[in-house]
């Protein structure tokens, strides 16, 4: 079949929302103007305001996810929605819908699996200083864990391939879902690109659901859990080194006293150090054994990823995103 005769890709815009009634209609209009052929989905995450009604009146397909948490809403959406290209953003109007056409173009022409809209803000209210610092810190942690990182792993603005979405386990419940998506792509060495996008302050009448300390600690716990699962040799190896180093330091007075008197007078310390060395050795051995299991899991994830057909790149003349172009709607 000639590539030019292939149907236009099905595009789904997914907006998880919790109490975003003042902003959701404007957000939907912005994405509808940018992607007239896309199907717009709003996943109402147990809102207590009129988010669902406003979104439905604005032309979106509204579905509910009663379990609170952005991760729960996106996991449900990824399971239910059938499309070729998935656009994920927030319903609060902070992300620039005008950038989505360029992001989709890059995804298709360069055969990428994820394009991340990195946040560029000029308004102090848009991105608090504490969040900027925390984002930078977690970016460095992830880069050290996976030998490569992204400049904004917590961005909620992403364009994803079907291959990515249908191979993504999505185990997170809350805002750590963005970190999990980033790590999933880095772990499988998927082709990824970042695009700077404007990040604005929230619409009047809405407020952020992100709690800096609570969600920051949850994200850190999630990253450490992923390190334990995905890099067990490194995780348990660090524990082994720390425990053995502490044992050696504690044993120095015992050895000095032994060299002076020829006797071991600090039996409790000697026993403790011996136990710590054994514990360190056991931790290192556990890391080595789990490394092989982790490798098998990674191979299974990779095969699951490859089992989903890739979206063929368009011809240079293909203008599927031009306003007025038609496309098959995503199946509800």
Protein backbone atom coordinates (compact mmCIF):
# COMPACT_ATOMS: atom_id res chain seq x y z
CA UNK A 1 0.00 0.00 0.00
CA UNK A 2 1.26 3.44 -0.88
CA UNK A 3 2.11 5.36 2.28
CA UNK A 4 0.17 8.39 1.10
CA UNK A 5 -2.98 6.24 0.93
CA UNK A 6 -2.75 5.20 4.57
CA UNK A 7 -5.43 6.66 6.84
CA UNK A 8 -4.49 9.55 9.08
CA UNK A 9 -3.47 8.49 12.59
CA UNK A 10 -6.07 8.46 15.33
CA UNK A 11 -5.19 11.10 17.91
CA UNK A 12 -6.54 11.10 21.44
CA UNK A 13 -6.10 14.03 23.83
CA UNK A 14 -6.38 12.82 27.43
CA UNK A 15 -6.93 15.31 30.24
CA UNK A 16 -7.11 13.86 33.78
CA UNK A 17 -9.03 16.32 35.97
CA UNK A 18 -9.92 16.87 39.58
CA UNK A 19 -12.01 19.97 40.29
CA UNK A 20 -10.99 21.90 37.16
CA UNK A 21 -14.41 23.33 36.23
CA UNK A 22 -13.15 26.95 35.86
CA UNK A 23 -10.40 25.94 33.39
CA UNK A 24 -11.44 22.79 31.55
CA UNK A 25 -13.63 24.40 28.87
CA UNK A 26 -10.89 26.81 27.80
CA UNK A 27 -8.33 23.99 27.82
CA UNK A 28 -10.55 21.83 25.62
CA UNK A 29 -11.14 24.68 23.16
CA UNK A 30 -7.40 25.25 22.89
CA UNK A 31 -6.69 21.61 22.05
CA UNK A 32 -9.68 21.40 19.70
CA UNK A 33 -8.33 24.41 17.78
CA UNK A 34 -4.84 22.92 17.63
CA UNK A 35 -6.01 19.39 16.73
CA UNK A 36 -9.39 19.56 15.00
CA UNK A 37 -9.23 15.87 14.03
CA UNK A 38 -8.46 14.59 17.56
CA UNK A 39 -10.87 13.03 20.02
CA UNK A 40 -10.85 14.81 23.39
CA UNK A 41 -11.19 12.77 26.58
CA UNK A 42 -11.61 14.10 30.08
CA UNK A 43 -11.06 11.60 32.88
CA UNK A 44 -12.89 13.03 35.84
CA UNK A 45 -11.01 11.91 38.94
CA UNK A 46 -13.91 12.03 41.44
CA UNK A 47 -14.35 15.79 41.21
CA UNK A 48 -16.70 17.50 43.63
CA UNK A 49 -17.46 20.41 41.30
CA UNK A 50 -18.98 20.65 37.80
CA UNK A 51 -15.88 19.50 35.91
CA UNK A 52 -17.67 16.61 34.20
CA UNK A 53 -20.67 18.68 33.09
CA UNK A 54 -18.55 21.57 31.81
CA UNK A 55 -16.27 19.21 29.91
CA UNK A 56 -19.21 17.38 28.36
CA UNK A 57 -20.79 20.67 27.29
CA UNK A 58 -17.46 21.63 25.70
CA UNK A 59 -17.55 18.54 23.48
CA UNK A 60 -15.28 16.12 25.34
CA UNK A 61 -15.94 12.47 25.99
CA UNK A 62 -16.09 12.34 29.78
CA UNK A 63 -15.22 9.23 31.72
CA UNK A 64 -14.83 8.74 35.43
CA UNK A 65 -12.16 7.22 37.65
CA UNK A 66 -13.37 7.07 41.28
CA UNK A 67 -9.96 6.31 42.77
CA UNK A 68 -8.23 9.60 43.50
CA UNK A 69 -4.83 10.20 41.98
CA UNK A 70 -3.54 11.24 38.58
CA UNK A 71 -1.82 7.91 38.12
CA UNK A 72 -5.11 6.06 38.59
CA UNK A 73 -6.83 8.27 36.02
CA UNK A 74 -4.10 7.87 33.40
CA UNK A 75 -3.82 4.13 33.92
CA UNK A 76 -7.55 3.83 33.27
CA UNK A 77 -7.31 6.06 30.20
CA UNK A 78 -4.37 4.15 28.72
CA UNK A 79 -6.27 0.89 29.15
CA UNK A 80 -9.55 2.14 27.68
CA UNK A 81 -8.66 4.53 24.88
CA UNK A 82 -7.62 3.16 21.49
CA UNK A 83 -5.57 5.54 19.34
CA UNK A 84 -2.33 5.79 17.40
CA UNK A 85 -1.05 8.94 19.10
CA UNK A 86 -1.84 10.01 22.66
CA UNK A 87 -1.56 13.57 23.92
CA UNK A 88 -1.48 13.87 27.71
CA UNK A 89 -1.85 17.21 29.48
CA UNK A 90 -3.51 18.75 32.52
CA UNK A 91 -6.93 20.30 32.48
CA UNK A 92 -5.89 23.48 34.29
CA UNK A 93 -4.79 25.46 31.23
CA UNK A 94 -1.12 25.65 32.24
CA UNK A 95 0.25 23.87 29.15
CA UNK A 96 0.47 25.47 25.72
CA UNK A 97 -1.86 23.62 23.36
CA UNK A 98 -0.30 25.51 20.45
CA UNK A 99 2.87 23.43 20.81
CA UNK A 100 1.14 20.08 20.30
CA UNK A 101 1.26 20.11 16.49
CA UNK A 102 5.05 20.43 16.50
CA UNK A 103 5.31 17.71 19.14
CA UNK A 104 3.23 15.31 17.06
CA UNK A 105 5.20 16.17 13.93
CA UNK A 106 8.44 15.24 15.71
CA UNK A 107 6.94 12.03 17.05
CA UNK A 108 5.90 10.92 13.57
CA UNK A 109 8.78 12.15 11.42
CA UNK A 110 11.51 10.93 13.79
CA UNK A 111 9.66 7.73 14.79
CA UNK A 112 9.76 8.63 18.48
CA UNK A 113 7.85 7.02 21.32
CA UNK A 114 7.63 10.05 23.58
CA UNK A 115 7.93 13.80 23.15
CA UNK A 116 8.06 15.71 26.43
CA UNK A 117 6.97 19.32 26.63
CA UNK A 118 9.55 20.74 29.02
CA UNK A 119 8.19 23.64 31.02
CA UNK A 120 9.47 27.16 30.34
CA UNK A 121 7.85 29.70 32.63
CA UNK A 122 8.09 33.47 32.89
CA UNK A 123 5.50 33.95 35.64
CA UNK A 124 6.55 33.32 39.23
CA UNK A 125 3.09 32.00 40.07
CA UNK A 126 3.33 29.33 37.39
CA UNK A 127 6.19 27.34 38.85
CA UNK A 128 7.17 27.82 42.48
CA UNK A 129 10.86 27.99 43.37
CA UNK A 130 10.61 24.94 45.63
CA UNK A 131 9.16 22.89 42.81
CA UNK A 132 11.91 24.04 40.44
CA UNK A 133 14.60 22.97 42.92
CA UNK A 134 12.86 19.67 43.64
CA UNK A 135 12.44 18.95 39.95
CA UNK A 136 16.15 19.58 39.33
CA UNK A 137 17.14 17.31 42.21
CA UNK A 138 14.98 14.41 41.05
CA UNK A 139 16.19 14.87 37.47
CA UNK A 140 19.74 14.36 38.72
CA UNK A 141 18.76 11.26 40.71
CA UNK A 142 17.12 9.67 37.68
CA UNK A 143 20.04 10.60 35.42
CA UNK A 144 22.45 8.90 37.84
CA UNK A 145 20.25 5.82 38.08
CA UNK A 146 19.85 5.28 34.36
CA UNK A 147 23.01 6.88 32.96
CA UNK A 148 20.79 9.32 31.12
CA UNK A 149 18.00 11.62 32.08
CA UNK A 150 15.48 14.17 30.99
CA UNK A 151 15.53 17.83 31.88
CA UNK A 152 11.93 17.75 33.16
CA UNK A 153 10.84 14.27 34.25
CA UNK A 154 7.73 15.63 35.98
CA UNK A 155 6.26 17.44 33.00
CA UNK A 156 2.62 16.50 32.55
CA UNK A 157 2.64 17.48 28.86
CA UNK A 158 3.56 14.55 26.64
CA UNK A 159 2.85 13.09 23.23
CA UNK A 160 3.09 9.30 23.29
CA UNK A 161 3.06 6.56 20.69
CA UNK A 162 0.64 3.66 20.92
CA UNK A 163 3.66 1.40 21.36
CA UNK A 164 4.60 3.32 24.51
CA UNK A 165 1.11 3.48 25.99
CA UNK A 166 0.20 -0.16 25.47
CA UNK A 167 3.50 -1.40 26.95
CA UNK A 168 3.46 0.96 29.95
CA UNK A 169 2.55 -0.86 33.20
CA UNK A 170 1.41 2.32 34.99
CA UNK A 171 1.69 1.23 38.62
CA UNK A 172 1.69 4.72 40.17
CA UNK A 173 -1.35 6.22 41.84
CA UNK A 174 -0.54 9.92 42.04
CA UNK A 175 1.74 12.56 40.56
CA UNK A 176 4.65 10.13 40.46
CA UNK A 177 3.12 8.79 37.23
CA UNK A 178 5.19 11.29 35.22
CA UNK A 179 8.42 10.00 36.77
CA UNK A 180 7.31 6.43 36.02
CA UNK A 181 6.67 7.30 32.37
CA UNK A 182 10.09 8.92 32.10
CA UNK A 183 11.82 5.97 33.71
CA UNK A 184 9.90 3.48 31.54
CA UNK A 185 11.21 5.21 28.41
CA UNK A 186 14.76 5.48 29.74
CA UNK A 187 14.85 1.88 30.92
CA UNK A 188 13.78 0.50 27.54
CA UNK A 189 15.97 3.03 25.70
CA UNK A 190 13.03 4.31 23.70
CA UNK A 191 13.57 7.16 21.25
CA UNK A 192 12.57 10.29 23.17
CA UNK A 193 12.82 14.00 22.53
CA UNK A 194 12.15 17.12 24.58
CA UNK A 195 10.56 20.31 23.29
CA UNK A 196 10.52 23.56 25.30
CA UNK A 197 6.92 24.67 25.82
CA UNK A 198 5.40 27.67 27.57
CA UNK A 199 4.09 26.98 31.06
CA UNK A 200 1.54 29.45 32.43
CA UNK A 201 -0.06 30.05 35.78
CA UNK A 202 -3.27 28.24 36.57
CA UNK A 203 -6.62 29.65 35.58
CA UNK A 204 -8.40 31.81 38.14
CA UNK A 205 -10.54 29.79 40.52
CA UNK A 206 -8.36 26.67 40.39
CA UNK A 207 -5.63 25.56 42.73
CA UNK A 208 -2.77 23.08 42.55
CA UNK A 209 -3.35 19.61 43.96
CA UNK A 210 0.39 19.04 44.35
CA UNK A 211 1.68 19.04 47.92
CA UNK A 212 5.40 19.75 47.82
CA UNK A 213 6.50 17.62 50.77
CA UNK A 214 3.90 14.84 50.62
CA UNK A 215 4.13 14.25 46.89
CA UNK A 216 7.89 14.85 46.88
CA UNK A 217 8.39 12.09 49.45
CA UNK A 218 6.10 9.77 47.48
CA UNK A 219 8.05 10.44 44.30
CA UNK A 220 11.36 9.80 46.08
CA UNK A 221 10.01 6.54 47.51
CA UNK A 222 8.84 5.54 44.05
CA UNK A 223 12.24 6.26 42.50
CA UNK A 224 14.01 4.28 45.24
CA UNK A 225 11.58 1.39 44.73
CA UNK A 226 12.27 1.44 41.00
CA UNK A 227 15.99 1.45 41.68
CA UNK A 228 15.56 -1.60 43.91
CA UNK A 229 13.52 -3.37 41.24
CA UNK A 230 15.42 -2.27 38.15
CA UNK A 231 18.97 -1.85 39.49
CA UNK A 232 19.13 -4.40 42.33
CA UNK A 233 22.89 -4.95 42.07
CA UNK A 234 23.49 -1.22 42.49
CA UNK A 235 20.86 -0.84 45.22
CA UNK A 236 21.90 -3.79 47.37
CA UNK A 237 25.57 -3.22 46.52
CA UNK A 238 25.43 0.25 48.03
CA UNK A 239 23.83 -1.20 51.16
CA UNK A 240 26.56 -3.84 51.33
CA UNK A 241 29.33 -1.26 51.00
CA UNK A 242 27.75 0.97 53.66
CA UNK A 243 27.27 -1.88 56.15
CA UNK A 244 30.76 -3.34 55.64
CA UNK A 245 32.35 0.11 55.88
CA UNK A 246 30.54 0.74 59.18
CA UNK A 247 31.68 -2.68 60.44
CA UNK A 248 35.31 -1.93 59.57
CA UNK A 249 35.18 1.43 61.37
CA UNK A 250 33.62 -0.16 64.46
CA UNK A 251 36.21 -2.93 64.46
CA UNK A 252 39.26 -0.63 64.48
CA UNK A 253 39.34 -0.25 68.33
CA UNK A 254 38.89 -4.02 68.68
CA UNK A 255 41.91 -4.72 66.46
CA UNK A 256 44.03 -2.03 68.11
CA UNK A 257 43.29 -3.49 71.54
CA UNK A 258 44.04 -6.99 70.29
CA UNK A 259 47.44 -5.91 68.92
CA UNK A 260 48.27 -4.26 72.25
CA UNK A 261 47.08 -7.00 74.64
CA UNK A 262 46.73 -10.09 72.50
CA UNK A 263 43.12 -10.42 73.68
CA UNK A 264 39.70 -9.58 72.38
CA UNK A 265 38.12 -7.67 75.25
CA UNK A 266 35.20 -6.13 73.36
CA UNK A 267 33.26 -9.24 72.50
CA UNK A 268 29.91 -7.51 71.86
CA UNK A 269 31.55 -5.13 69.37
CA UNK A 270 33.46 -7.96 67.71
CA UNK A 271 30.27 -10.03 67.37
CA UNK A 272 28.38 -7.01 66.02
CA UNK A 273 31.08 -6.32 63.41
CA UNK A 274 31.14 -9.96 62.34
CA UNK A 275 27.36 -9.95 61.92
CA UNK A 276 27.49 -6.69 59.93
CA UNK A 277 30.11 -8.11 57.56
CA UNK A 278 27.98 -11.20 57.00
CA UNK A 279 24.93 -9.00 56.44
CA UNK A 280 26.84 -6.90 53.91
CA UNK A 281 28.01 -9.99 52.06
CA UNK A 282 24.46 -11.35 52.03
CA UNK A 283 23.14 -8.02 50.69
CA UNK A 284 25.68 -8.08 47.88
CA UNK A 285 24.75 -11.67 47.02
CA UNK A 286 21.03 -10.79 46.95
CA UNK A 287 21.79 -7.94 44.56
CA UNK A 288 23.65 -10.27 42.20
CA UNK A 289 20.85 -12.85 42.24
CA UNK A 290 18.11 -10.27 41.68
CA UNK A 291 20.07 -8.71 38.83
CA UNK A 292 19.43 -11.77 36.67
CA UNK A 293 15.72 -11.70 37.56
CA UNK A 294 15.59 -7.99 36.73
CA UNK A 295 17.23 -8.65 33.39
CA UNK A 296 14.60 -11.25 32.54
CA UNK A 297 11.86 -8.78 33.47
CA UNK A 298 13.45 -6.10 31.31
CA UNK A 299 13.62 -8.48 28.37
CA UNK A 300 9.92 -9.33 28.82
CA UNK A 301 9.02 -5.62 28.90
CA UNK A 302 11.08 -5.03 25.79
CA UNK A 303 9.35 -7.87 23.93
CA UNK A 304 5.97 -6.52 25.04
CA UNK A 305 6.97 -3.12 23.70
CA UNK A 306 8.11 -4.55 20.37
CA UNK A 307 4.89 -6.57 20.02
CA UNK A 308 2.94 -3.35 19.42
CA UNK A 309 3.29 -2.21 15.78
CA UNK A 310 5.02 1.12 15.31
CA UNK A 311 3.24 4.00 13.62
CA UNK A 312 4.79 4.48 10.15
CA UNK A 313 6.37 7.91 9.61
CA UNK A 314 4.48 10.24 7.28
CA UNK A 315 5.68 11.44 3.93
CA UNK A 316 7.01 14.95 3.97
CA UNK A 317 3.93 16.13 2.10
CA UNK A 318 1.53 14.58 4.59
CA UNK A 319 -0.37 17.40 6.29
CA UNK A 320 -2.64 15.35 8.52
CA UNK A 321 -2.65 18.02 11.22
CA UNK A 322 -3.70 20.84 8.97
CA UNK A 323 -7.01 22.32 10.23
CA UNK A 324 -9.89 20.68 8.42
CA UNK A 325 -8.07 17.38 7.85
CA UNK A 326 -10.12 14.34 8.64
CA UNK A 327 -9.05 11.36 10.67
CA UNK A 328 -10.68 8.28 12.09
CA UNK A 329 -11.84 9.12 15.61
CA UNK A 330 -10.36 7.17 18.49
CA UNK A 331 -12.62 4.37 19.57
CA UNK A 332 -14.43 5.17 22.80
